[in-house]
Amino acid sequence: MNNLLVLGGTGFVGRSVCERLVERGGGGGGRITVPTRWPSRAGHILMLPTLEVTPADLHDDAQLARLVAGRDAVINLVGTLHGTAAEFQRVHVDLPARLARACRAAAVRRILHVSAIGADAAAPSMYLRSKGAGEAALRDAGLALTVFRPSVMFGEHDRFINLFARLQAVFPVLPLAGADARFQPVWVEDVAAAIVRALDTPATIGQVIECAGPAVCTLKELVSQAGHWSGHARAVVALPAALGRVQAMLLEWLPGPPLMSRDNLDSMRVASVAGGKLPGLASLRITPSSIASVMAPLLGGRGGPARLEPWRALARRR
């Protein structure tokens, strides 16, 4: 499978997946195509060999059909954490359904799709319900599907641990909604490795693979660790549920993607923790890295300079 289409390849997970796909190689004149509406924002992958970034609107049926035609496999990484019900529907449900139709029309069977732990039609948040509906749309199409459900992902370019570290460099106290929410954070490089290995592992067809790290943490613990690793440890104050919801509502009104939304709080009512009944990273011979082993050096440890290259080298060896 050397002729690949990667949807969402310019994003946080996408850049790691694209790097690993290029390293995977395969010869035979294979190519990796990454469509995007904003090619100018794809500088981090533009120079990768055998990879082509092409302008396209994935929500246009004709363009999607042209992109899918002739592919050996499609990897769908497209997702959003924030939005209205209509936006979640468009990105998490309508796009997978349209992708399934395009693949069936082009006789492209292999799809690898990134969802989320907790995805379910009966989940308490729009995000998780739409993720569940997107999985169902692909599953109902009868394709050779592998679904990945990661917990919250961390890494060099994440907007989670890095953001909380930056906030603690500015504010003396950090009030926090959803402080008791539970996560099993997973390194983005481990998720990328799982996706690429599954591509070459036919036994993963039909599977849902939970991608989770080695430890379960509360949101408060993760935020506190981010401050410690960056050398700016601050008091993290857990807000009562009602006050936390007010905080999230106020954050939604600020320009740009909110730090936290009311829908995020609804998602956090479901623990983002592997249930143990589905295959995990170990099924693909991946031993997940701890968040401390990766993020402490990246954030500078005790205030010293971040050492990025050793962790990038570690990722490439695995």
C-alpha atoms as a PDB file:
ATOM      1  CA  MET A   1       0.000   0.000   0.000  1.00  0.00           C
ATOM      2  CA  ASN A   2       2.096   2.854  -1.312  1.00  0.00           C
ATOM      3  CA  ASN A   3      -0.426   5.227  -2.894  1.00  0.00           C
ATOM      4  CA  LEU A   4      -1.918   6.909   0.151  1.00  0.00           C
ATOM      5  CA  LEU A   5      -4.300   9.784   0.854  1.00  0.00           C
ATOM      6  CA  VAL A   6      -3.960  11.480   4.253  1.00  0.00           C
ATOM      7  CA  LEU A   7      -6.846  13.722   5.283  1.00  0.00           C
ATOM      8  CA  GLY A   8      -5.880  16.119   8.066  1.00  0.00           C
ATOM      9  CA  GLY A   9      -2.201  15.593   7.375  1.00  0.00           C
ATOM     10  CA  THR A  10      -1.247  19.179   8.211  1.00  0.00           C
ATOM     11  CA  GLY A  11      -2.503  18.981  11.813  1.00  0.00           C
ATOM     12  CA  PHE A  12      -0.922  17.956  15.111  1.00  0.00           C
ATOM     13  CA  VAL A  13      -1.310  14.213  14.553  1.00  0.00           C
ATOM     14  CA  GLY A  14      -0.893  14.545  10.794  1.00  0.00           C
ATOM     15  CA  ARG A  15       2.630  15.898  10.833  1.00  0.00           C
ATOM     16  CA  SER A  16       3.821  12.874  12.859  1.00  0.00           C
ATOM     17  CA  VAL A  17       1.882  10.422  10.681  1.00  0.00           C
ATOM     18  CA  CYS A  18       3.283  11.963   7.486  1.00  0.00           C
ATOM     19  CA  GLU A  19       6.870  11.802   8.753  1.00  0.00           C
ATOM     20  CA  ARG A  20       6.461   8.131   9.640  1.00  0.00           C
ATOM     21  CA  LEU A  21       4.810   7.307   6.325  1.00  0.00           C
ATOM     22  CA  VAL A  22       7.729   8.874   4.472  1.00  0.00           C
ATOM     23  CA  GLU A  23      10.195   6.896   6.597  1.00  0.00           C
ATOM     24  CA  ARG A  24       8.161   3.750   5.944  1.00  0.00           C
ATOM     25  CA  GLY A  25       8.822   4.182   2.231  1.00  0.00           C
ATOM     26  CA  GLY A  26       7.671   1.267   0.146  1.00  0.00           C
ATOM     27  CA  GLY A  27       9.174   2.070  -3.224  1.00  0.00           C
ATOM     28  CA  GLY A  28       7.298   1.131  -6.336  1.00  0.00           C
ATOM     29  CA  GLY A  29       6.622   4.738  -7.239  1.00  0.00           C
ATOM     30  CA  GLY A  30       4.368   5.210  -4.251  1.00  0.00           C
ATOM     31  CA  ARG A  31       3.149   8.635  -3.210  1.00  0.00           C
ATOM     32  CA  ILE A  32       1.482  10.297  -0.244  1.00  0.00           C
ATOM     33  CA  THR A  33      -1.038  13.043  -0.944  1.00  0.00           C
ATOM     34  CA  VAL A  34      -2.136  15.536   1.709  1.00  0.00           C
ATOM     35  CA  PRO A  35      -5.021  17.786   0.643  1.00  0.00           C
ATOM     36  CA  THR A  36      -5.593  21.054   2.484  1.00  0.00           C
ATOM     37  CA  ARG A  37      -7.495  24.284   2.013  1.00  0.00           C
ATOM     38  CA  TRP A  38      -4.441  26.240   3.232  1.00  0.00           C
ATOM     39  CA  PRO A  39      -1.218  24.905   1.639  1.00  0.00           C
ATOM     40  CA  SER A  40       0.677  27.912   3.029  1.00  0.00           C
ATOM     41  CA  ARG A  41       0.168  26.462   6.535  1.00  0.00           C
ATOM     42  CA  ALA A  42       1.766  23.134   5.631  1.00  0.00           C
ATOM     43  CA  GLY A  43       5.395  24.265   5.768  1.00  0.00           C
ATOM     44  CA  HIS A  44       6.290  21.618   8.339  1.00  0.00           C
ATOM     45  CA  ILE A  45       5.607  18.782   5.853  1.00  0.00           C
ATOM     46  CA  LEU A  46       6.180  20.468   2.473  1.00  0.00           C
ATOM     47  CA  MET A  47       9.789  19.319   2.215  1.00  0.00           C
ATOM     48  CA  LEU A  48       9.114  15.653   2.994  1.00  0.00           C
ATOM     49  CA  PRO A  49      10.093  13.472   0.016  1.00  0.00           C
ATOM     50  CA  THR A  50       7.407  11.458  -1.827  1.00  0.00           C
ATOM     51  CA  LEU A  51       4.751  13.662  -0.186  1.00  0.00           C
ATOM     52  CA  GLU A  52       2.553  16.055  -2.155  1.00  0.00           C
ATOM     53  CA  VAL A  53       0.520  18.827  -0.529  1.00  0.00           C
ATOM     54  CA  THR A  54      -2.356  19.809  -2.779  1.00  0.00           C
ATOM     55  CA  PRO A  55      -5.054  22.489  -2.399  1.00  0.00           C
ATOM     56  CA  ALA A  56      -8.503  20.952  -2.003  1.00  0.00           C
ATOM     57  CA  ASP A  57     -11.807  21.309  -0.188  1.00  0.00           C
ATOM     58  CA  LEU A  58     -12.646  17.967   1.421  1.00  0.00           C
ATOM     59  CA  HIS A  59     -16.274  19.013   1.792  1.00  0.00           C
ATOM     60  CA  ASP A  60     -16.710  19.188  -1.981  1.00  0.00           C
ATOM     61  CA  ASP A  61     -17.894  15.788  -3.274  1.00  0.00           C
ATOM     62  CA  ALA A  62     -16.291  16.124  -6.708  1.00  0.00           C
ATOM     63  CA  GLN A  63     -12.895  17.057  -5.264  1.00  0.00           C
ATOM     64  CA  LEU A  64     -13.080  14.287  -2.679  1.00  0.00           C
ATOM     65  CA  ALA A  65     -13.900  11.739  -5.396  1.00  0.00           C
ATOM     66  CA  ARG A  66     -10.860  12.826  -7.434  1.00  0.00           C
ATOM     67  CA  LEU A  67      -8.594  12.588  -4.387  1.00  0.00           C
ATOM     68  CA  VAL A  68      -9.769   9.102  -3.438  1.00  0.00           C
ATOM     69  CA  ALA A  69      -9.582   7.577  -6.922  1.00  0.00           C
ATOM     70  CA  GLY A  70      -6.755   5.087  -7.354  1.00  0.00           C
ATOM     71  CA  ARG A  71      -5.640   5.039  -3.726  1.00  0.00           C
ATOM     72  CA  ASP A  72      -4.465   1.959  -1.897  1.00  0.00           C
ATOM     73  CA  ALA A  73      -5.669   3.375   1.424  1.00  0.00           C
ATOM     74  CA  VAL A  74      -7.057   6.529   3.022  1.00  0.00           C
ATOM     75  CA  ILE A  75      -6.064   7.792   6.493  1.00  0.00           C
ATOM     76  CA  ASN A  76      -8.601  10.173   8.035  1.00  0.00           C
ATOM     77  CA  LEU A  77      -7.219  12.391  10.813  1.00  0.00           C
ATOM     78  CA  VAL A  78      -9.682  15.271  10.416  1.00  0.00           C
ATOM     79  CA  GLY A  79     -11.257  16.454  13.646  1.00  0.00           C
ATOM     80  CA  THR A  80     -12.161  19.463  15.755  1.00  0.00           C
ATOM     81  CA  LEU A  81     -12.386  19.931  19.518  1.00  0.00           C
ATOM     82  CA  HIS A  82     -14.614  23.008  19.441  1.00  0.00           C
ATOM     83  CA  GLY A  83     -17.672  24.112  17.519  1.00  0.00           C
ATOM     84  CA  THR A  84     -21.403  24.154  17.191  1.00  0.00           C
ATOM     85  CA  ALA A  85     -23.547  21.075  16.710  1.00  0.00           C
ATOM     86  CA  ALA A  86     -23.580  21.826  12.971  1.00  0.00           C
ATOM     87  CA  GLU A  87     -19.788  22.086  12.838  1.00  0.00           C
ATOM     88  CA  PHE A  88     -19.288  18.800  14.687  1.00  0.00           C
ATOM     89  CA  GLN A  89     -21.808  17.180  12.342  1.00  0.00           C
ATOM     90  CA  ARG A  90     -20.026  18.495   9.260  1.00  0.00           C
ATOM     91  CA  VAL A  91     -16.514  17.442  10.321  1.00  0.00           C
ATOM     92  CA  HIS A  92     -17.056  14.266  12.348  1.00  0.00           C
ATOM     93  CA  VAL A  93     -20.152  12.759  10.713  1.00  0.00           C
ATOM     94  CA  ASP A  94     -20.791  14.145   7.245  1.00  0.00           C
ATOM     95  CA  LEU A  95     -17.158  13.976   6.108  1.00  0.00           C
ATOM     96  CA  PRO A  96     -16.682  10.292   7.102  1.00  0.00           C
ATOM     97  CA  ALA A  97     -20.028   9.439   5.459  1.00  0.00           C
ATOM     98  CA  ARG A  98     -19.025  11.214   2.257  1.00  0.00           C
ATOM     99  CA  LEU A  99     -15.576   9.617   2.401  1.00  0.00           C
ATOM    100  CA  ALA A 100     -17.193   6.192   2.697  1.00  0.00           C
ATOM    101  CA  ARG A 101     -19.349   6.847  -0.379  1.00  0.00           C
ATOM    102  CA  ALA A 102     -16.361   8.108  -2.377  1.00  0.00           C
ATOM    103  CA  CYS A 103     -14.273   5.072  -1.406  1.00  0.00           C
ATOM    104  CA  ARG A 104     -17.019   2.647  -2.352  1.00  0.00           C
ATOM    105  CA  ALA A 105     -17.511   4.368  -5.715  1.00  0.00           C
ATOM    106  CA  ALA A 106     -13.762   4.201  -6.413  1.00  0.00           C
ATOM    107  CA  ALA A 107     -13.381   0.622  -5.105  1.00  0.00           C
ATOM    108  CA  VAL A 108     -10.983   1.821  -2.396  1.00  0.00           C
ATOM    109  CA  ARG A 109     -11.546  -0.417   0.614  1.00  0.00           C
ATOM    110  CA  ARG A 110      -8.833   0.337   3.181  1.00  0.00           C
ATOM    111  CA  ILE A 111      -9.547   3.195   5.616  1.00  0.00           C
ATOM    112  CA  LEU A 112      -7.806   4.077   8.868  1.00  0.00           C
ATOM    113  CA  HIS A 113      -9.800   6.529  10.966  1.00  0.00           C
ATOM    114  CA  VAL A 114      -8.954   8.447  14.155  1.00  0.00           C
ATOM    115  CA  SER A 115     -11.815   8.846  16.619  1.00  0.00           C
ATOM    116  CA  ALA A 116     -11.612   9.268  20.418  1.00  0.00           C
ATOM    117  CA  ILE A 117     -11.941   7.252  23.602  1.00  0.00           C
ATOM    118  CA  GLY A 118     -15.534   7.646  24.751  1.00  0.00           C
ATOM    119  CA  ALA A 119     -16.994   8.049  21.249  1.00  0.00           C
ATOM    120  CA  ASP A 120     -20.605   6.922  21.455  1.00  0.00           C
ATOM    121  CA  ALA A 121     -24.020   7.964  20.152  1.00  0.00           C
ATOM    122  CA  ALA A 122     -25.238   8.228  23.761  1.00  0.00           C
ATOM    123  CA  ALA A 123     -22.256  10.239  25.071  1.00  0.00           C
ATOM    124  CA  PRO A 124     -22.898  13.481  26.998  1.00  0.00           C
ATOM    125  CA  SER A 125     -21.083  15.842  24.589  1.00  0.00           C
ATOM    126  CA  MET A 126     -21.564  16.875  20.975  1.00  0.00           C
ATOM    127  CA  TYR A 127     -17.908  16.025  20.359  1.00  0.00           C
ATOM    128  CA  LEU A 128     -18.152  12.416  21.535  1.00  0.00           C
ATOM    129  CA  ARG A 129     -21.585  11.818  20.009  1.00  0.00           C
ATOM    130  CA  SER A 130     -20.399  13.077  16.625  1.00  0.00           C
ATOM    131  CA  LYS A 131     -17.247  10.958  16.851  1.00  0.00           C
ATOM    132  CA  GLY A 132     -19.424   7.914  17.519  1.00  0.00           C
ATOM    133  CA  ALA A 133     -21.687   8.735  14.585  1.00  0.00           C
ATOM    134  CA  GLY A 134     -18.675   9.140  12.293  1.00  0.00           C
ATOM    135  CA  GLU A 135     -17.386   5.705  13.248  1.00  0.00           C
ATOM    136  CA  ALA A 136     -20.818   4.231  12.532  1.00  0.00           C
ATOM    137  CA  ALA A 137     -20.983   5.876   9.102  1.00  0.00           C
ATOM    138  CA  LEU A 138     -17.697   4.253   8.092  1.00  0.00           C
ATOM    139  CA  ARG A 139     -18.529   0.912   9.677  1.00  0.00           C
ATOM    140  CA  ASP A 140     -21.898   0.709   7.905  1.00  0.00           C
ATOM    141  CA  ALA A 141     -20.186   1.138   4.531  1.00  0.00           C
ATOM    142  CA  GLY A 142     -18.624  -2.314   4.747  1.00  0.00           C
ATOM    143  CA  LEU A 143     -15.071  -1.110   4.164  1.00  0.00           C
ATOM    144  CA  ALA A 144     -11.783  -2.549   5.459  1.00  0.00           C
ATOM    145  CA  LEU A 145     -11.794  -0.203   8.425  1.00  0.00           C
ATOM    146  CA  THR A 146      -9.500   0.263  11.416  1.00  0.00           C
ATOM    147  CA  VAL A 147     -10.553   2.810  14.057  1.00  0.00           C
ATOM    148  CA  PHE A 148      -8.165   4.406  16.544  1.00  0.00           C
ATOM    149  CA  ARG A 149      -9.509   5.875  19.784  1.00  0.00           C
ATOM    150  CA  PRO A 150      -6.806   7.930  21.520  1.00  0.00           C
ATOM    151  CA  SER A 151      -6.980   9.586  24.905  1.00  0.00           C
ATOM    152  CA  VAL A 152      -5.713  13.172  25.051  1.00  0.00           C
ATOM    153  CA  MET A 153      -2.484  13.416  23.048  1.00  0.00           C
ATOM    154  CA  PHE A 154       0.671  15.256  24.076  1.00  0.00           C
ATOM    155  CA  GLY A 155       3.813  16.147  22.178  1.00  0.00           C
ATOM    156  CA  GLU A 156       6.195  18.851  21.073  1.00  0.00           C
ATOM    157  CA  HIS A 157       3.511  20.827  19.228  1.00  0.00           C
ATOM    158  CA  ASP A 158       0.426  20.064  21.308  1.00  0.00           C
ATOM    159  CA  ARG A 159      -2.080  22.720  22.363  1.00  0.00           C
ATOM    160  CA  PHE A 160      -2.736  21.061  25.705  1.00  0.00           C
ATOM    161  CA  ILE A 161       0.287  20.625  27.978  1.00  0.00           C
ATOM    162  CA  ASN A 162       2.189  23.423  26.218  1.00  0.00           C
ATOM    163  CA  LEU A 163      -0.743  25.781  26.641  1.00  0.00           C
ATOM    164  CA  PHE A 164      -1.106  25.132  30.357  1.00  0.00           C
ATOM    165  CA  ALA A 165       2.650  25.629  30.766  1.00  0.00           C
ATOM    166  CA  ARG A 166       2.440  29.020  29.027  1.00  0.00           C
ATOM    167  CA  LEU A 167      -0.533  30.091  31.138  1.00  0.00           C
ATOM    168  CA  GLN A 168       1.381  29.373  34.325  1.00  0.00           C
ATOM    169  CA  ALA A 169       4.250  31.494  33.082  1.00  0.00           C
ATOM    170  CA  VAL A 170       1.818  34.442  33.026  1.00  0.00           C
ATOM    171  CA  PHE A 171      -0.734  33.965  35.813  1.00  0.00           C
ATOM    172  CA  PRO A 172       0.093  33.538  39.533  1.00  0.00           C
ATOM    173  CA  VAL A 173      -2.933  31.272  40.114  1.00  0.00           C
ATOM    174  CA  LEU A 174      -4.777  29.036  37.667  1.00  0.00           C
ATOM    175  CA  PRO A 175      -8.496  28.416  38.296  1.00  0.00           C
ATOM    176  CA  LEU A 176      -9.461  25.166  36.599  1.00  0.00           C
ATOM    177  CA  ALA A 177     -12.810  23.732  35.525  1.00  0.00           C
ATOM    178  CA  GLY A 178     -13.097  19.946  35.254  1.00  0.00           C
ATOM    179  CA  ALA A 179     -10.105  19.463  37.535  1.00  0.00           C
ATOM    180  CA  ASP A 180     -11.101  15.911  38.505  1.00  0.00           C
ATOM    181  CA  ALA A 181     -11.572  14.689  34.908  1.00  0.00           C
ATOM    182  CA  ARG A 182      -9.497  11.574  34.219  1.00  0.00           C
ATOM    183  CA  PHE A 183      -7.229  11.024  31.227  1.00  0.00           C
ATOM    184  CA  GLN A 184      -4.688   8.450  30.091  1.00  0.00           C
ATOM    185  CA  PRO A 185      -2.485  10.783  28.021  1.00  0.00           C
ATOM    186  CA  VAL A 186      -0.696   9.268  25.043  1.00  0.00           C
ATOM    187  CA  TRP A 187       2.297  10.538  23.063  1.00  0.00           C
ATOM    188  CA  VAL A 188       1.346  11.616  19.571  1.00  0.00           C
ATOM    189  CA  GLU A 189       4.340   9.713  18.187  1.00  0.00           C
ATOM    190  CA  ASP A 190       2.976   6.483  19.671  1.00  0.00           C
ATOM    191  CA  VAL A 191      -0.388   7.110  18.009  1.00  0.00           C
ATOM    192  CA  ALA A 192       1.316   7.854  14.684  1.00  0.00           C
ATOM    193  CA  ALA A 193       3.366   4.670  14.978  1.00  0.00           C
ATOM    194  CA  ALA A 194       0.186   2.675  15.620  1.00  0.00           C
ATOM    195  CA  ILE A 195      -1.526   4.082  12.536  1.00  0.00           C
ATOM    196  CA  VAL A 196       1.411   3.324  10.248  1.00  0.00           C
ATOM    197  CA  ARG A 197       1.915  -0.180  11.647  1.00  0.00           C
ATOM    198  CA  ALA A 198      -1.787  -0.963  11.278  1.00  0.00           C
ATOM    199  CA  LEU A 199      -1.549   0.034   7.627  1.00  0.00           C
ATOM    200  CA  ASP A 200       0.725  -2.975   7.105  1.00  0.00           C
ATOM    201  CA  THR A 201      -1.138  -5.285   9.497  1.00  0.00           C
ATOM    202  CA  PRO A 202      -4.230  -6.818   7.859  1.00  0.00           C
ATOM    203  CA  ALA A 203      -5.264  -8.336  11.194  1.00  0.00           C
ATOM    204  CA  THR A 204      -6.251  -4.835  12.367  1.00  0.00           C
ATOM    205  CA  ILE A 205      -9.070  -4.630   9.815  1.00  0.00           C
ATOM    206  CA  GLY A 206     -12.342  -4.503  11.715  1.00  0.00           C
ATOM    207  CA  GLN A 207     -10.629  -3.547  14.974  1.00  0.00           C
ATOM    208  CA  VAL A 208     -11.099  -0.557  17.263  1.00  0.00           C
ATOM    209  CA  ILE A 209      -7.727   0.190  18.876  1.00  0.00           C
ATOM    210  CA  GLU A 210      -7.537   2.235  22.067  1.00  0.00           C
ATOM    211  CA  CYS A 211      -4.440   4.431  22.182  1.00  0.00           C
ATOM    212  CA  ALA A 212      -3.554   5.304  25.760  1.00  0.00           C
ATOM    213  CA  GLY A 213      -0.434   5.987  27.772  1.00  0.00           C
ATOM    214  CA  PRO A 214       0.890   4.056  30.767  1.00  0.00           C
ATOM    215  CA  ALA A 215      -0.723   6.188  33.524  1.00  0.00           C
ATOM    216  CA  VAL A 216      -4.093   7.694  34.427  1.00  0.00           C
ATOM    217  CA  CYS A 217      -4.025  11.324  35.611  1.00  0.00           C
ATOM    218  CA  THR A 218      -6.564  13.964  36.556  1.00  0.00           C
ATOM    219  CA  LEU A 219      -6.643  17.223  34.647  1.00  0.00           C
ATOM    220  CA  LYS A 220      -5.401  19.038  37.746  1.00  0.00           C
ATOM    221  CA  GLU A 221      -2.425  16.693  37.990  1.00  0.00           C
ATOM    222  CA  LEU A 222      -1.548  17.249  34.342  1.00  0.00           C
ATOM    223  CA  VAL A 223      -1.786  21.031  34.667  1.00  0.00           C
ATOM    224  CA  SER A 224       0.344  21.012  37.812  1.00  0.00           C
ATOM    225  CA  GLN A 225       2.963  18.843  36.096  1.00  0.00           C
ATOM    226  CA  ALA A 226       3.069  21.220  33.125  1.00  0.00           C
ATOM    227  CA  GLY A 227       3.857  24.103  35.448  1.00  0.00           C
ATOM    228  CA  HIS A 228       6.534  22.130  37.260  1.00  0.00           C
ATOM    229  CA  TRP A 229       8.261  20.923  34.099  1.00  0.00           C
ATOM    230  CA  SER A 230       8.316  24.426  32.624  1.00  0.00           C
ATOM    231  CA  GLY A 231       9.731  25.960  35.794  1.00  0.00           C
ATOM    232  CA  HIS A 232       6.577  28.005  36.490  1.00  0.00           C
ATOM    233  CA  ALA A 233       4.651  25.935  39.005  1.00  0.00           C
ATOM    234  CA  ARG A 234       1.562  27.797  40.207  1.00  0.00           C
ATOM    235  CA  ALA A 235      -1.355  27.060  42.484  1.00  0.00           C
ATOM    236  CA  VAL A 236      -4.062  25.240  40.523  1.00  0.00           C
ATOM    237  CA  VAL A 237      -7.490  25.868  42.051  1.00  0.00           C
ATOM    238  CA  ALA A 238     -10.267  23.395  41.231  1.00  0.00           C
ATOM    239  CA  LEU A 239     -13.522  25.211  40.488  1.00  0.00           C
ATOM    240  CA  PRO A 240     -16.922  23.879  41.581  1.00  0.00           C
ATOM    241  CA  ALA A 241     -18.956  22.449  38.699  1.00  0.00           C
ATOM    242  CA  ALA A 242     -21.310  25.446  38.391  1.00  0.00           C
ATOM    243  CA  LEU A 243     -18.511  28.002  38.492  1.00  0.00           C
ATOM    244  CA  GLY A 244     -16.452  25.917  36.071  1.00  0.00           C
ATOM    245  CA  ARG A 245     -19.315  25.989  33.607  1.00  0.00           C
ATOM    246  CA  VAL A 246     -19.479  29.779  33.860  1.00  0.00           C
ATOM    247  CA  GLN A 247     -15.728  29.946  33.242  1.00  0.00           C
ATOM    248  CA  ALA A 248     -16.062  27.749  30.148  1.00  0.00           C
ATOM    249  CA  MET A 249     -18.919  29.896  28.823  1.00  0.00           C
ATOM    250  CA  LEU A 250     -16.826  33.058  29.238  1.00  0.00           C
ATOM    251  CA  LEU A 251     -13.876  31.430  27.475  1.00  0.00           C
ATOM    252  CA  GLU A 252     -16.109  30.565  24.519  1.00  0.00           C
ATOM    253  CA  TRP A 253     -16.676  34.265  23.920  1.00  0.00           C
ATOM    254  CA  LEU A 254     -12.977  35.048  23.489  1.00  0.00           C
ATOM    255  CA  PRO A 255     -11.551  35.264  19.946  1.00  0.00           C
ATOM    256  CA  GLY A 256     -10.056  32.089  18.500  1.00  0.00           C
ATOM    257  CA  PRO A 257     -10.403  28.494  19.714  1.00  0.00           C
ATOM    258  CA  PRO A 258     -11.380  28.521  23.395  1.00  0.00           C
ATOM    259  CA  LEU A 259      -9.094  27.135  26.066  1.00  0.00           C
ATOM    260  CA  MET A 260     -12.113  25.207  27.309  1.00  0.00           C
ATOM    261  CA  SER A 261     -15.768  25.048  26.251  1.00  0.00           C
ATOM    262  CA  ARG A 262     -18.931  23.779  27.892  1.00  0.00           C
ATOM    263  CA  ASP A 263     -18.901  20.889  25.431  1.00  0.00           C
ATOM    264  CA  ASN A 264     -15.352  20.045  26.564  1.00  0.00           C
ATOM    265  CA  LEU A 265     -16.661  19.847  30.121  1.00  0.00           C
ATOM    266  CA  ASP A 266     -19.432  17.543  28.940  1.00  0.00           C
ATOM    267  CA  SER A 267     -16.824  15.329  27.257  1.00  0.00           C
ATOM    268  CA  MET A 268     -14.826  15.172  30.480  1.00  0.00           C
ATOM    269  CA  ARG A 269     -17.784  13.575  32.248  1.00  0.00           C
ATOM    270  CA  VAL A 270     -16.582  10.410  30.464  1.00  0.00           C
ATOM    271  CA  ALA A 271     -13.139   9.281  31.630  1.00  0.00           C
ATOM    272  CA  SER A 272     -10.713   9.312  28.693  1.00  0.00           C
ATOM    273  CA  VAL A 273      -9.215   6.049  29.897  1.00  0.00           C
ATOM    274  CA  ALA A 274      -8.762   2.733  28.081  1.00  0.00           C
ATOM    275  CA  GLY A 275     -11.450   0.243  29.038  1.00  0.00           C
ATOM    276  CA  GLY A 276      -9.215  -2.795  28.632  1.00  0.00           C
ATOM    277  CA  LYS A 277     -11.694  -4.730  26.475  1.00  0.00           C
ATOM    278  CA  LEU A 278     -10.347  -3.508  23.124  1.00  0.00           C
ATOM    279  CA  PRO A 279      -6.893  -3.946  21.569  1.00  0.00           C
ATOM    280  CA  GLY A 280      -4.370  -1.341  22.648  1.00  0.00           C
ATOM    281  CA  LEU A 281      -0.948  -0.141  21.562  1.00  0.00           C
ATOM    282  CA  ALA A 282       0.589  -3.380  22.823  1.00  0.00           C
ATOM    283  CA  SER A 283      -1.297  -5.262  20.091  1.00  0.00           C
ATOM    284  CA  LEU A 284       0.930  -3.394  17.614  1.00  0.00           C
ATOM    285  CA  ARG A 285       4.092  -3.998  19.662  1.00  0.00           C
ATOM    286  CA  ILE A 286       4.221  -0.409  20.899  1.00  0.00           C
ATOM    287  CA  THR A 287       5.179   0.351  24.504  1.00  0.00           C
ATOM    288  CA  PRO A 288       3.691   3.785  25.237  1.00  0.00           C
ATOM    289  CA  SER A 289       5.934   6.512  26.612  1.00  0.00           C
ATOM    290  CA  SER A 290       5.059   8.323  29.817  1.00  0.00           C
ATOM    291  CA  ILE A 291       4.159  11.980  29.651  1.00  0.00           C
ATOM    292  CA  ALA A 292       6.975  12.887  32.033  1.00  0.00           C
ATOM    293  CA  SER A 293       9.625  11.189  29.906  1.00  0.00           C
ATOM    294  CA  VAL A 294       8.645  13.275  26.897  1.00  0.00           C
ATOM    295  CA  MET A 295       7.277  16.587  28.139  1.00  0.00           C
ATOM    296  CA  ALA A 296       9.690  17.315  30.995  1.00  0.00           C
ATOM    297  CA  PRO A 297      12.659  17.662  28.588  1.00  0.00           C
ATOM    298  CA  LEU A 298      10.541  19.486  26.000  1.00  0.00           C
ATOM    299  CA  LEU A 299       9.320  22.066  28.501  1.00  0.00           C
ATOM    300  CA  GLY A 300      12.776  22.605  29.938  1.00  0.00           C
ATOM    301  CA  GLY A 301      12.657  20.539  33.116  1.00  0.00           C
ATOM    302  CA  ARG A 302      13.653  22.796  35.989  1.00  0.00           C
ATOM    303  CA  GLY A 303      13.835  25.872  33.830  1.00  0.00           C
ATOM    304  CA  GLY A 304      16.712  24.754  31.630  1.00  0.00           C
ATOM    305  CA  PRO A 305      16.595  24.737  27.818  1.00  0.00           C
ATOM    306  CA  ALA A 306      14.324  22.241  26.097  1.00  0.00           C
ATOM    307  CA  ARG A 307      16.192  19.381  24.444  1.00  0.00           C
ATOM    308  CA  LEU A 308      14.047  18.420  21.481  1.00  0.00           C
ATOM    309  CA  GLU A 309      16.318  16.332  19.335  1.00  0.00           C
ATOM    310  CA  PRO A 310      16.842  13.321  21.643  1.00  0.00           C
ATOM    311  CA  TRP A 311      13.080  12.781  21.785  1.00  0.00           C
ATOM    312  CA  ARG A 312      12.688  13.098  18.043  1.00  0.00           C
ATOM    313  CA  ALA A 313      15.451  10.513  17.643  1.00  0.00           C
ATOM    314  CA  LEU A 314      13.732   8.217  20.146  1.00  0.00           C
ATOM    315  CA  ALA A 315      10.494   8.499  18.181  1.00  0.00           C
ATOM    316  CA  ARG A 316      12.234   7.544  14.965  1.00  0.00           C
ATOM    317  CA  ARG A 317      13.799   4.423  16.486  1.00  0.00           C
ATOM    318  CA  ARG A 318      10.470   2.975  17.635  1.00  0.00           C
END
